[in-house]
Structure formats: C-alpha cells, structure tokens
Amino acid sequence: MPKALRPGARVRADWVVIVPFRAASAKSRFGPGDNAELAMAMALDTVAAALTVAHVIVVTDAAEPFVALGAAVHPDPGAGLNAAIAAGLEQAGVDTPRAVLLGDHPALTPTELAAALAAATHPLSLVADAAGDGSALTAARPGVPHALAFGPGSRAAHIAEGYVELDGDWPGLSADVDTAADLAGLADPGPRTSAWLASRS
C-alpha cells in the first residue's frame, strides 16, 4: 500500500500525472541479466504513491499491473521517452494541470508529491533530480503546453524552455534510481522495491 499522507497534507486531485514506463527496456544500467522485475517494482511503487495524490496515466507496454492499481493507461507508441510522454499528455488534455514523473522514484511519498504539486504555481515548474542535472518532475498549469526535454541534461534544457525550478525538501521525489548505487542509497524504498531487495539479500 502507498504511504499515507500526513495529517493536513492536501490531496491535489485536480492534477493528472503522466508516468512513462517501458518494460521492454527495463533498467539495463543495473548490470547484466533481466532487471524487468526490479524496474516494474519501482514503477508500481512510484505510481501507487502518485495515485494517492492525483489522477495517473501510465504510458506503457505492460498495462495490466498499473490498471490493477487503479491507474489509467495509454499504449506506448514505441518512439522513445518524450514521444511516450507526449502521448500521455495528449490523453490528459490541456485544460487540467499536468505533471510528468518518470517511473523510477520508488522512495516517493504522497506527502512529497502533494507538496511539490501545491508549489507548482508557475506556468511551468520543475523539480530537479538529486544529481542536479536531470528532471524529477515537470508540471504545467491548465492551458500551458509542456516542452518535453527529458534525457541527458534535462534540467538545463527544461529551464531553457521556461520551467521555473522549485525549491523543496522532497528526497523521495528527487531520488530517481538509474544505477545500482542509486538503489543502494535509498533510505526508504516503497514496499514492492523493498520486497525485491529482500528477495536478493
């Protein structure tokens, strides 16, 4: 189950969060072998936390586990990360506030996400990742189109497109997991990721 919101935390049910997840290219940077179970566990923990706060559209080639959580899904068009995000944003429409969150934030808490979305009052907002060069979350207000620049150096690229960086203490949100070192450094991963780690210990 996703971690509960602290008393007084505001649920941002008007937001739609787009989460792209491609099972077919699951986390090769963790080393040789099949890392699909780990990637799925992290994505499910990410989506479960987000569903406590907002509506979620997962753009994926593996819909069933996310449907079981209660997320909406959109087929991955198979043309790369930004194309997948664009497909989810098109499904969401432009008349609602929309955020983009990658599926590798297994320590994300609903409280953090709710606080970040509440802070996203600019036309375009950005939360940088822990390393400082990537984008953990981008957000757009109603009627404002996203400028998609995910990939290497995305923080600077998004800022160049007009995103305003938010300053908040959101360690689970900023902790995207790209490497084995990132995974080992997580203080409090979600239940599915924790179960995967326990099965390997």
N, C-alpha and C. Protein backbone atom coordinates (compact mmCIF):
# COMPACT_ATOMS: atom_id res chain seq x y z
N MET A 1 0.84 -1.19 0.00
CA MET A 1 0.00 0.00 0.00
C MET A 1 0.88 1.24 0.00
N PRO A 2 0.46 2.34 -0.67
CA PRO A 2 1.25 3.56 -0.62
C PRO A 2 1.26 4.16 0.77
N LYS A 3 2.35 4.88 1.07
CA LYS A 3 2.47 5.51 2.37
C LYS A 3 1.40 6.59 2.52
N ALA A 4 0.84 6.68 3.73
CA ALA A 4 -0.27 7.60 3.95
C ALA A 4 0.21 9.04 3.99
N LEU A 5 -0.67 9.94 3.61
CA LEU A 5 -0.41 11.36 3.77
C LEU A 5 -0.41 11.73 5.25
N ARG A 6 0.48 12.64 5.61
CA ARG A 6 0.46 13.16 6.98
C ARG A 6 -0.81 13.99 7.17
N PRO A 7 -1.30 14.09 8.41
CA PRO A 7 -2.48 14.93 8.66
C PRO A 7 -2.25 16.34 8.16
N GLY A 8 -3.22 16.86 7.45
CA GLY A 8 -3.12 18.22 6.94
C GLY A 8 -2.56 18.32 5.54
N ALA A 9 -1.97 17.24 5.00
CA ALA A 9 -1.45 17.29 3.63
C ALA A 9 -2.62 17.41 2.66
N ARG A 10 -2.43 18.20 1.64
CA ARG A 10 -3.51 18.48 0.70
C ARG A 10 -3.42 17.55 -0.51
N VAL A 11 -4.49 16.85 -0.78
CA VAL A 11 -4.56 15.99 -1.95
C VAL A 11 -4.88 16.86 -3.17
N ARG A 12 -4.07 16.74 -4.21
CA ARG A 12 -4.22 17.56 -5.40
C ARG A 12 -4.96 16.77 -6.47
N ALA A 13 -6.24 16.45 -6.21
CA ALA A 13 -6.98 15.56 -7.09
C ALA A 13 -7.27 16.16 -8.46
N ASP A 14 -7.03 17.48 -8.61
CA ASP A 14 -7.25 18.09 -9.92
C ASP A 14 -6.09 17.81 -10.87
N TRP A 15 -4.96 17.37 -10.37
CA TRP A 15 -3.79 17.12 -11.20
C TRP A 15 -3.87 15.79 -11.92
N VAL A 16 -3.28 15.74 -13.11
CA VAL A 16 -3.04 14.48 -13.82
C VAL A 16 -1.53 14.29 -13.91
N VAL A 17 -1.06 13.15 -13.48
CA VAL A 17 0.37 12.84 -13.52
C VAL A 17 0.61 11.79 -14.61
N ILE A 18 1.51 12.09 -15.52
CA ILE A 18 1.88 11.17 -16.60
C ILE A 18 3.14 10.41 -16.19
N VAL A 19 3.08 9.10 -16.22
CA VAL A 19 4.23 8.26 -15.88
C VAL A 19 4.54 7.35 -17.06
N PRO A 20 5.64 7.58 -17.79
CA PRO A 20 6.02 6.66 -18.85
C PRO A 20 6.80 5.48 -18.27
N PHE A 21 6.49 4.27 -18.75
CA PHE A 21 7.23 3.08 -18.30
C PHE A 21 7.26 2.07 -19.43
N ARG A 22 8.46 1.75 -19.87
CA ARG A 22 8.62 0.78 -20.95
C ARG A 22 9.29 -0.48 -20.41
N ALA A 23 8.50 -1.52 -20.21
CA ALA A 23 9.01 -2.76 -19.64
C ALA A 23 10.08 -3.39 -20.53
N ALA A 24 9.97 -3.19 -21.83
CA ALA A 24 10.88 -3.85 -22.76
C ALA A 24 12.31 -3.33 -22.67
N SER A 25 12.50 -2.15 -22.06
CA SER A 25 13.86 -1.60 -21.95
C SER A 25 14.20 -1.34 -20.49
N ALA A 26 13.90 -2.32 -19.64
CA ALA A 26 13.98 -2.11 -18.20
C ALA A 26 15.42 -2.05 -17.70
N LYS A 27 15.84 -0.90 -17.28
CA LYS A 27 16.98 -0.64 -16.42
C LYS A 27 18.22 -1.49 -16.70
N SER A 28 18.77 -1.37 -17.89
CA SER A 28 19.97 -2.12 -18.24
C SER A 28 21.18 -1.67 -17.43
N ARG A 29 21.13 -0.46 -16.87
CA ARG A 29 22.29 0.05 -16.14
C ARG A 29 22.51 -0.64 -14.80
N PHE A 30 21.60 -1.52 -14.39
CA PHE A 30 21.83 -2.28 -13.17
C PHE A 30 22.73 -3.48 -13.40
N GLY A 31 23.19 -3.67 -14.62
CA GLY A 31 24.10 -4.76 -14.91
C GLY A 31 23.45 -5.82 -15.77
N PRO A 32 24.19 -6.87 -16.07
CA PRO A 32 23.67 -7.91 -16.96
C PRO A 32 22.51 -8.66 -16.32
N GLY A 33 21.76 -9.32 -17.17
CA GLY A 33 20.63 -10.08 -16.69
C GLY A 33 19.32 -9.33 -16.87
N ASP A 34 18.26 -9.98 -16.44
CA ASP A 34 16.92 -9.44 -16.61
C ASP A 34 16.55 -8.61 -15.38
N ASN A 35 16.46 -7.30 -15.56
CA ASN A 35 16.10 -6.41 -14.47
C ASN A 35 14.64 -5.97 -14.54
N ALA A 36 13.84 -6.69 -15.31
CA ALA A 36 12.46 -6.27 -15.53
C ALA A 36 11.65 -6.26 -14.23
N GLU A 37 11.86 -7.25 -13.35
CA GLU A 37 11.10 -7.29 -12.11
C GLU A 37 11.41 -6.08 -11.24
N LEU A 38 12.68 -5.71 -11.16
CA LEU A 38 13.07 -4.54 -10.38
C LEU A 38 12.45 -3.27 -10.97
N ALA A 39 12.56 -3.10 -12.27
CA ALA A 39 12.00 -1.91 -12.91
C ALA A 39 10.50 -1.82 -12.69
N MET A 40 9.80 -2.95 -12.79
CA MET A 40 8.36 -2.96 -12.56
C MET A 40 8.04 -2.63 -11.11
N ALA A 41 8.80 -3.18 -10.17
CA ALA A 41 8.56 -2.90 -8.75
C ALA A 41 8.71 -1.41 -8.47
N MET A 42 9.75 -0.79 -9.03
CA MET A 42 9.96 0.64 -8.81
C MET A 42 8.84 1.46 -9.43
N ALA A 43 8.43 1.08 -10.64
CA ALA A 43 7.36 1.82 -11.30
C ALA A 43 6.04 1.69 -10.55
N LEU A 44 5.75 0.51 -10.06
CA LEU A 44 4.50 0.32 -9.31
C LEU A 44 4.52 1.11 -8.01
N ASP A 45 5.67 1.16 -7.32
CA ASP A 45 5.76 1.97 -6.11
C ASP A 45 5.57 3.45 -6.45
N THR A 46 6.15 3.90 -7.55
CA THR A 46 6.00 5.30 -7.98
C THR A 46 4.54 5.62 -8.26
N VAL A 47 3.90 4.77 -9.03
CA VAL A 47 2.51 5.02 -9.42
C VAL A 47 1.57 4.91 -8.22
N ALA A 48 1.81 3.96 -7.34
CA ALA A 48 0.96 3.82 -6.15
C ALA A 48 1.00 5.08 -5.30
N ALA A 49 2.18 5.65 -5.12
CA ALA A 49 2.29 6.89 -4.35
C ALA A 49 1.57 8.03 -5.07
N ALA A 50 1.74 8.12 -6.38
CA ALA A 50 1.11 9.20 -7.14
C ALA A 50 -0.40 9.09 -7.14
N LEU A 51 -0.93 7.89 -7.16
CA LEU A 51 -2.38 7.70 -7.18
C LEU A 51 -3.06 8.18 -5.90
N THR A 52 -2.32 8.26 -4.83
CA THR A 52 -2.86 8.78 -3.58
C THR A 52 -3.11 10.27 -3.65
N VAL A 53 -2.45 10.92 -4.62
CA VAL A 53 -2.44 12.37 -4.71
C VAL A 53 -3.19 12.89 -5.93
N ALA A 54 -3.15 12.17 -7.05
CA ALA A 54 -3.61 12.70 -8.33
C ALA A 54 -4.15 11.59 -9.20
N HIS A 55 -4.76 11.97 -10.30
CA HIS A 55 -5.06 11.02 -11.36
C HIS A 55 -3.75 10.68 -12.07
N VAL A 56 -3.61 9.44 -12.49
CA VAL A 56 -2.36 8.99 -13.10
C VAL A 56 -2.67 8.30 -14.43
N ILE A 57 -1.91 8.68 -15.46
CA ILE A 57 -1.92 7.98 -16.74
C ILE A 57 -0.53 7.38 -16.93
N VAL A 58 -0.47 6.07 -17.04
CA VAL A 58 0.78 5.37 -17.30
C VAL A 58 0.85 5.05 -18.78
N VAL A 59 1.91 5.48 -19.43
CA VAL A 59 2.13 5.17 -20.84
C VAL A 59 3.09 3.99 -20.88
N THR A 60 2.60 2.84 -21.33
CA THR A 60 3.36 1.62 -21.10
C THR A 60 3.02 0.54 -22.11
N ASP A 61 3.93 -0.42 -22.23
CA ASP A 61 3.67 -1.64 -23.00
C ASP A 61 3.33 -2.80 -22.07
N ALA A 62 3.07 -2.52 -20.80
CA ALA A 62 2.71 -3.54 -19.81
C ALA A 62 1.60 -2.99 -18.93
N ALA A 63 0.39 -2.92 -19.46
CA ALA A 63 -0.69 -2.17 -18.82
C ALA A 63 -1.26 -2.84 -17.57
N GLU A 64 -1.37 -4.16 -17.55
CA GLU A 64 -2.19 -4.85 -16.56
C GLU A 64 -1.84 -4.51 -15.11
N PRO A 65 -0.56 -4.51 -14.69
CA PRO A 65 -0.28 -4.22 -13.28
C PRO A 65 -0.69 -2.81 -12.86
N PHE A 66 -0.63 -1.86 -13.78
CA PHE A 66 -1.00 -0.48 -13.45
C PHE A 66 -2.51 -0.30 -13.41
N VAL A 67 -3.21 -1.00 -14.30
CA VAL A 67 -4.68 -0.99 -14.25
C VAL A 67 -5.15 -1.56 -12.91
N ALA A 68 -4.47 -2.61 -12.44
CA ALA A 68 -4.84 -3.23 -11.17
C ALA A 68 -4.68 -2.25 -10.00
N LEU A 69 -3.74 -1.32 -10.11
CA LEU A 69 -3.56 -0.30 -9.07
C LEU A 69 -4.64 0.78 -9.13
N GLY A 70 -5.27 0.95 -10.30
CA GLY A 70 -6.26 1.99 -10.46
C GLY A 70 -5.85 3.12 -11.37
N ALA A 71 -4.70 2.96 -12.04
CA ALA A 71 -4.24 3.99 -12.98
C ALA A 71 -4.92 3.82 -14.32
N ALA A 72 -5.04 4.93 -15.05
CA ALA A 72 -5.38 4.85 -16.48
C ALA A 72 -4.12 4.51 -17.25
N VAL A 73 -4.26 3.92 -18.41
CA VAL A 73 -3.09 3.57 -19.20
C VAL A 73 -3.29 4.03 -20.64
N HIS A 74 -2.16 4.24 -21.29
CA HIS A 74 -2.13 4.59 -22.71
C HIS A 74 -1.03 3.75 -23.34
N PRO A 75 -1.26 3.17 -24.51
CA PRO A 75 -0.22 2.34 -25.14
C PRO A 75 1.03 3.16 -25.46
N ASP A 76 2.19 2.60 -25.18
CA ASP A 76 3.45 3.24 -25.54
C ASP A 76 3.57 3.25 -27.06
N PRO A 77 3.75 4.43 -27.67
CA PRO A 77 3.86 4.46 -29.14
C PRO A 77 5.16 3.89 -29.66
N GLY A 78 6.13 3.62 -28.78
CA GLY A 78 7.36 2.97 -29.19
C GLY A 78 8.34 3.86 -29.93
N ALA A 79 8.26 5.16 -29.70
CA ALA A 79 9.14 6.10 -30.41
C ALA A 79 10.04 6.88 -29.45
N GLY A 80 10.28 6.33 -28.26
CA GLY A 80 11.15 6.98 -27.31
C GLY A 80 10.42 7.64 -26.16
N LEU A 81 11.21 8.10 -25.18
CA LEU A 81 10.66 8.62 -23.94
C LEU A 81 9.78 9.84 -24.15
N ASN A 82 10.27 10.84 -24.85
CA ASN A 82 9.48 12.06 -25.00
C ASN A 82 8.22 11.83 -25.82
N ALA A 83 8.27 10.92 -26.78
CA ALA A 83 7.06 10.58 -27.54
C ALA A 83 6.04 9.89 -26.65
N ALA A 84 6.51 9.05 -25.73
CA ALA A 84 5.59 8.39 -24.80
C ALA A 84 4.93 9.42 -23.89
N ILE A 85 5.72 10.36 -23.38
CA ILE A 85 5.16 11.40 -22.52
C ILE A 85 4.14 12.24 -23.30
N ALA A 86 4.47 12.58 -24.53
CA ALA A 86 3.56 13.38 -25.35
C ALA A 86 2.23 12.66 -25.54
N ALA A 87 2.27 11.33 -25.70
CA ALA A 87 1.03 10.57 -25.87
C ALA A 87 0.18 10.64 -24.61
N GLY A 88 0.81 10.54 -23.45
CA GLY A 88 0.06 10.64 -22.20
C GLY A 88 -0.52 12.03 -21.99
N LEU A 89 0.26 13.05 -22.33
CA LEU A 89 -0.24 14.42 -22.19
C LEU A 89 -1.41 14.69 -23.13
N GLU A 90 -1.36 14.11 -24.33
CA GLU A 90 -2.48 14.28 -25.26
C GLU A 90 -3.74 13.66 -24.68
N GLN A 91 -3.61 12.49 -24.05
CA GLN A 91 -4.77 11.86 -23.44
C GLN A 91 -5.31 12.73 -22.29
N ALA A 92 -4.42 13.34 -21.53
CA ALA A 92 -4.85 14.16 -20.40
C ALA A 92 -5.56 15.42 -20.84
N GLY A 93 -5.18 15.98 -22.00
CA GLY A 93 -5.73 17.25 -22.45
C GLY A 93 -5.00 18.42 -21.81
N VAL A 94 -5.31 19.62 -22.25
CA VAL A 94 -4.59 20.81 -21.77
C VAL A 94 -5.39 21.63 -20.75
N ASP A 95 -6.60 21.22 -20.44
CA ASP A 95 -7.46 22.03 -19.58
C ASP A 95 -7.32 21.71 -18.09
N THR A 96 -6.37 20.85 -17.75
CA THR A 96 -6.13 20.47 -16.37
C THR A 96 -4.65 20.64 -16.07
N PRO A 97 -4.26 20.84 -14.82
CA PRO A 97 -2.83 20.86 -14.51
C PRO A 97 -2.24 19.46 -14.71
N ARG A 98 -1.08 19.41 -15.37
CA ARG A 98 -0.46 18.13 -15.73
C ARG A 98 0.98 18.11 -15.28
N ALA A 99 1.39 16.98 -14.71
CA ALA A 99 2.78 16.78 -14.30
C ALA A 99 3.32 15.54 -14.98
N VAL A 100 4.63 15.52 -15.16
CA VAL A 100 5.33 14.37 -15.74
C VAL A 100 6.30 13.85 -14.69
N LEU A 101 6.21 12.55 -14.41
CA LEU A 101 7.03 11.89 -13.41
C LEU A 101 7.51 10.58 -14.01
N LEU A 102 8.81 10.37 -14.05
CA LEU A 102 9.32 9.11 -14.58
C LEU A 102 9.07 7.99 -13.56
N GLY A 103 9.09 6.75 -14.04
CA GLY A 103 8.69 5.63 -13.21
C GLY A 103 9.81 5.02 -12.39
N ASP A 104 10.78 5.82 -11.98
CA ASP A 104 11.92 5.28 -11.23
C ASP A 104 12.16 6.06 -9.94
N HIS A 105 11.05 6.35 -9.23
CA HIS A 105 11.12 7.08 -7.96
C HIS A 105 10.49 6.23 -6.86
N PRO A 106 11.07 5.08 -6.52
CA PRO A 106 10.41 4.14 -5.60
C PRO A 106 10.35 4.61 -4.15
N ALA A 107 11.08 5.67 -3.80
CA ALA A 107 11.00 6.20 -2.44
C ALA A 107 10.06 7.41 -2.35
N LEU A 108 9.38 7.73 -3.43
CA LEU A 108 8.44 8.84 -3.44
C LEU A 108 7.34 8.62 -2.41
N THR A 109 6.98 9.68 -1.68
CA THR A 109 5.85 9.61 -0.77
C THR A 109 4.73 10.50 -1.29
N PRO A 110 3.49 10.16 -1.00
CA PRO A 110 2.38 11.03 -1.39
C PRO A 110 2.51 12.44 -0.83
N THR A 111 3.00 12.57 0.39
CA THR A 111 3.16 13.89 1.00
C THR A 111 4.09 14.76 0.18
N GLU A 112 5.21 14.19 -0.26
CA GLU A 112 6.17 14.94 -1.08
C GLU A 112 5.54 15.39 -2.39
N LEU A 113 4.87 14.46 -3.06
CA LEU A 113 4.29 14.81 -4.34
C LEU A 113 3.19 15.86 -4.17
N ALA A 114 2.36 15.73 -3.15
CA ALA A 114 1.32 16.72 -2.91
C ALA A 114 1.94 18.09 -2.67
N ALA A 115 3.02 18.15 -1.91
CA ALA A 115 3.67 19.43 -1.62
C ALA A 115 4.28 20.03 -2.88
N ALA A 116 4.91 19.19 -3.70
CA ALA A 116 5.52 19.70 -4.94
C ALA A 116 4.46 20.23 -5.88
N LEU A 117 3.35 19.53 -6.02
CA LEU A 117 2.29 20.00 -6.91
C LEU A 117 1.65 21.27 -6.37
N ALA A 118 1.51 21.38 -5.06
CA ALA A 118 0.97 22.60 -4.47
C ALA A 118 1.89 23.79 -4.73
N ALA A 119 3.20 23.52 -4.80
CA ALA A 119 4.17 24.58 -5.05
C ALA A 119 4.27 24.96 -6.52
N ALA A 120 3.73 24.13 -7.38
CA ALA A 120 3.86 24.34 -8.84
C ALA A 120 2.83 25.34 -9.33
N THR A 121 2.99 26.59 -8.93
CA THR A 121 2.05 27.65 -9.28
C THR A 121 2.48 28.44 -10.51
N HIS A 122 3.70 28.23 -10.98
CA HIS A 122 4.18 28.90 -12.18
C HIS A 122 3.52 28.26 -13.42
N PRO A 123 3.51 28.94 -14.54
CA PRO A 123 3.00 28.28 -15.76
C PRO A 123 3.70 26.96 -16.03
N LEU A 124 5.03 26.93 -15.85
CA LEU A 124 5.82 25.71 -16.00
C LEU A 124 6.74 25.59 -14.79
N SER A 125 6.77 24.43 -14.16
CA SER A 125 7.60 24.21 -12.97
C SER A 125 8.43 22.95 -13.13
N LEU A 126 9.50 22.88 -12.33
CA LEU A 126 10.47 21.79 -12.43
C LEU A 126 10.99 21.44 -11.05
N VAL A 127 11.11 20.15 -10.77
CA VAL A 127 11.87 19.66 -9.62
C VAL A 127 13.07 18.91 -10.16
N ALA A 128 14.27 19.35 -9.80
CA ALA A 128 15.48 18.70 -10.28
C ALA A 128 15.69 17.38 -9.55
N ASP A 129 16.45 16.48 -10.17
CA ASP A 129 16.79 15.23 -9.50
C ASP A 129 17.93 15.46 -8.51
N ALA A 130 18.23 14.43 -7.73
CA ALA A 130 19.22 14.57 -6.67
C ALA A 130 20.61 14.88 -7.22
N ALA A 131 20.91 14.40 -8.41
CA ALA A 131 22.22 14.66 -9.02
C ALA A 131 22.36 16.10 -9.49
N GLY A 132 21.23 16.76 -9.74
CA GLY A 132 21.25 18.16 -10.12
C GLY A 132 21.27 18.45 -11.59
N ASP A 133 21.36 17.42 -12.43
CA ASP A 133 21.37 17.68 -13.87
C ASP A 133 20.17 17.12 -14.60
N GLY A 134 19.33 16.38 -13.90
CA GLY A 134 18.15 15.80 -14.51
C GLY A 134 16.87 16.39 -13.95
N SER A 135 15.74 15.92 -14.45
CA SER A 135 14.42 16.41 -14.05
C SER A 135 13.64 15.29 -13.38
N ALA A 136 13.30 15.50 -12.10
CA ALA A 136 12.49 14.52 -11.39
C ALA A 136 11.01 14.69 -11.71
N LEU A 137 10.58 15.94 -11.87
CA LEU A 137 9.17 16.24 -12.11
C LEU A 137 9.09 17.52 -12.92
N THR A 138 8.22 17.54 -13.92
CA THR A 138 7.86 18.79 -14.59
C THR A 138 6.35 18.96 -14.45
N ALA A 139 5.92 20.21 -14.40
CA ALA A 139 4.49 20.50 -14.21
C ALA A 139 4.09 21.69 -15.04
N ALA A 140 2.86 21.66 -15.53
CA ALA A 140 2.31 22.76 -16.33
C ALA A 140 0.91 23.08 -15.83
N ARG A 141 0.58 24.35 -15.77
CA ARG A 141 -0.73 24.80 -15.37
C ARG A 141 -1.72 24.61 -16.53
N PRO A 142 -3.01 24.66 -16.25
CA PRO A 142 -4.00 24.47 -17.32
C PRO A 142 -3.79 25.45 -18.47
N GLY A 143 -3.88 24.92 -19.68
CA GLY A 143 -3.73 25.73 -20.88
C GLY A 143 -2.31 25.97 -21.31
N VAL A 144 -1.33 25.55 -20.51
CA VAL A 144 0.08 25.77 -20.83
C VAL A 144 0.66 24.46 -21.36
N PRO A 145 1.17 24.43 -22.59
CA PRO A 145 1.75 23.19 -23.10
C PRO A 145 3.09 22.88 -22.46
N HIS A 146 3.34 21.60 -22.23
CA HIS A 146 4.65 21.16 -21.79
C HIS A 146 5.65 21.28 -22.94
N ALA A 147 6.90 21.57 -22.59
CA ALA A 147 8.02 21.48 -23.54
C ALA A 147 8.86 20.29 -23.10
N LEU A 148 8.86 19.23 -23.88
CA LEU A 148 9.45 17.97 -23.45
C LEU A 148 10.94 17.93 -23.79
N ALA A 149 11.76 17.79 -22.75
CA ALA A 149 13.22 17.78 -22.94
C ALA A 149 13.87 16.75 -22.03
N PHE A 150 13.18 15.64 -21.78
CA PHE A 150 13.76 14.60 -20.94
C PHE A 150 14.90 13.90 -21.67
N GLY A 151 15.87 13.43 -20.87
CA GLY A 151 17.08 12.85 -21.41
C GLY A 151 18.27 13.47 -20.72
N PRO A 152 19.50 13.20 -21.19
CA PRO A 152 20.69 13.76 -20.55
C PRO A 152 20.63 15.29 -20.50
N GLY A 153 20.96 15.84 -19.33
CA GLY A 153 20.96 17.30 -19.19
C GLY A 153 19.60 17.93 -19.21
N SER A 154 18.56 17.19 -18.78
CA SER A 154 17.20 17.70 -18.95
C SER A 154 16.88 18.88 -18.04
N ARG A 155 17.54 18.98 -16.90
CA ARG A 155 17.27 20.13 -16.02
C ARG A 155 17.57 21.43 -16.75
N ALA A 156 18.76 21.55 -17.30
CA ALA A 156 19.13 22.78 -18.02
C ALA A 156 18.25 22.99 -19.23
N ALA A 157 17.92 21.89 -19.92
CA ALA A 157 17.09 22.00 -21.12
C ALA A 157 15.69 22.48 -20.77
N HIS A 158 15.13 21.97 -19.69
CA HIS A 158 13.80 22.41 -19.28
C HIS A 158 13.81 23.87 -18.82
N ILE A 159 14.84 24.26 -18.06
CA ILE A 159 14.94 25.65 -17.63
C ILE A 159 15.03 26.58 -18.84
N ALA A 160 15.78 26.16 -19.86
CA ALA A 160 15.88 26.96 -21.08
C ALA A 160 14.53 27.10 -21.78
N GLU A 161 13.64 26.15 -21.56
CA GLU A 161 12.30 26.20 -22.16
C GLU A 161 11.30 26.98 -21.31
N GLY A 162 11.75 27.51 -20.18
CA GLY A 162 10.88 28.36 -19.37
C GLY A 162 10.38 27.75 -18.08
N TYR A 163 10.83 26.55 -17.72
CA TYR A 163 10.42 25.95 -16.46
C TYR A 163 11.12 26.66 -15.30
N VAL A 164 10.37 26.89 -14.22
CA VAL A 164 10.91 27.51 -13.01
C VAL A 164 11.20 26.40 -12.01
N GLU A 165 12.44 26.35 -11.52
CA GLU A 165 12.82 25.28 -10.60
C GLU A 165 12.25 25.54 -9.21
N LEU A 166 11.63 24.51 -8.63
CA LEU A 166 11.05 24.61 -7.30
C LEU A 166 12.07 24.20 -6.25
N ASP A 167 12.01 24.85 -5.12
CA ASP A 167 12.94 24.57 -4.03
C ASP A 167 12.17 23.96 -2.88
N GLY A 168 12.35 22.66 -2.67
CA GLY A 168 11.65 21.98 -1.60
C GLY A 168 12.45 20.80 -1.10
N ASP A 169 12.12 20.33 0.08
CA ASP A 169 12.80 19.18 0.68
C ASP A 169 11.98 17.94 0.38
N TRP A 170 12.25 17.36 -0.79
CA TRP A 170 11.48 16.21 -1.27
C TRP A 170 12.45 15.10 -1.69
N PRO A 171 13.13 14.46 -0.74
CA PRO A 171 14.19 13.50 -1.09
C PRO A 171 13.69 12.29 -1.87
N GLY A 172 12.49 11.80 -1.55
CA GLY A 172 11.98 10.66 -2.30
C GLY A 172 11.62 11.02 -3.72
N LEU A 173 11.12 12.24 -3.93
CA LEU A 173 10.80 12.70 -5.28
C LEU A 173 12.06 12.91 -6.10
N SER A 174 13.08 13.50 -5.50
CA SER A 174 14.29 13.79 -6.27
C SER A 174 15.16 12.56 -6.51
N ALA A 175 14.92 11.49 -5.75
CA ALA A 175 15.76 10.29 -5.86
C ALA A 175 15.26 9.39 -6.98
N ASP A 176 15.68 9.69 -8.22
CA ASP A 176 15.41 8.75 -9.30
C ASP A 176 16.52 7.70 -9.30
N VAL A 177 16.15 6.47 -9.62
CA VAL A 177 17.07 5.35 -9.50
C VAL A 177 17.50 4.89 -10.88
N ASP A 178 18.74 5.22 -11.23
CA ASP A 178 19.27 4.87 -12.54
C ASP A 178 20.36 3.81 -12.47
N THR A 179 20.99 3.65 -11.31
CA THR A 179 22.12 2.74 -11.17
C THR A 179 21.98 1.91 -9.91
N ALA A 180 22.82 0.88 -9.79
CA ALA A 180 22.83 0.07 -8.58
C ALA A 180 23.21 0.91 -7.37
N ALA A 181 24.08 1.90 -7.55
CA ALA A 181 24.46 2.77 -6.44
C ALA A 181 23.28 3.61 -5.98
N ASP A 182 22.48 4.11 -6.93
CA ASP A 182 21.27 4.85 -6.56
C ASP A 182 20.34 3.97 -5.73
N LEU A 183 20.17 2.74 -6.17
CA LEU A 183 19.27 1.82 -5.48
C LEU A 183 19.77 1.54 -4.07
N ALA A 184 21.06 1.32 -3.92
CA ALA A 184 21.64 1.03 -2.61
C ALA A 184 21.53 2.22 -1.67
N GLY A 185 21.48 3.43 -2.23
CA GLY A 185 21.43 4.63 -1.41
C GLY A 185 20.05 5.04 -0.97
N LEU A 186 19.00 4.34 -1.39
CA LEU A 186 17.64 4.70 -1.00
C LEU A 186 17.42 4.46 0.49
N ALA A 187 16.93 5.47 1.19
CA ALA A 187 16.71 5.34 2.63
C ALA A 187 15.44 4.55 2.93
N ASP A 188 14.41 4.72 2.13
CA ASP A 188 13.11 4.13 2.47
C ASP A 188 12.33 3.82 1.19
N PRO A 189 12.75 2.81 0.44
CA PRO A 189 12.01 2.49 -0.80
C PRO A 189 10.62 1.97 -0.49
N GLY A 190 9.76 2.01 -1.51
CA GLY A 190 8.40 1.53 -1.37
C GLY A 190 8.34 0.03 -1.17
N PRO A 191 7.15 -0.50 -0.89
CA PRO A 191 7.03 -1.91 -0.48
C PRO A 191 7.42 -2.90 -1.56
N ARG A 192 7.12 -2.62 -2.80
CA ARG A 192 7.46 -3.57 -3.86
C ARG A 192 8.96 -3.60 -4.11
N THR A 193 9.57 -2.43 -4.11
CA THR A 193 11.01 -2.37 -4.28
C THR A 193 11.71 -2.99 -3.07
N SER A 194 11.20 -2.73 -1.88
CA SER A 194 11.77 -3.34 -0.67
C SER A 194 11.68 -4.86 -0.73
N ALA A 195 10.55 -5.38 -1.21
CA ALA A 195 10.38 -6.83 -1.31
C ALA A 195 11.37 -7.41 -2.31
N TRP A 196 11.59 -6.71 -3.42
CA TRP A 196 12.57 -7.18 -4.41
C TRP A 196 13.96 -7.21 -3.81
N LEU A 197 14.33 -6.16 -3.09
CA LEU A 197 15.65 -6.11 -2.46
C LEU A 197 15.80 -7.22 -1.43
N ALA A 198 14.75 -7.46 -0.65
CA ALA A 198 14.81 -8.51 0.36
C ALA A 198 14.98 -9.89 -0.27
N SER A 199 14.38 -10.07 -1.43
CA SER A 199 14.49 -11.38 -2.10
C SER A 199 15.89 -11.64 -2.64
N ARG A 200 16.70 -10.55 -2.74
CA ARG A 200 18.06 -10.71 -3.27
C ARG A 200 19.10 -10.68 -2.16
N SER A 201 18.67 -10.50 -0.92
CA SER A 201 19.64 -10.38 0.19
C SER A 201 19.96 -11.74 0.79
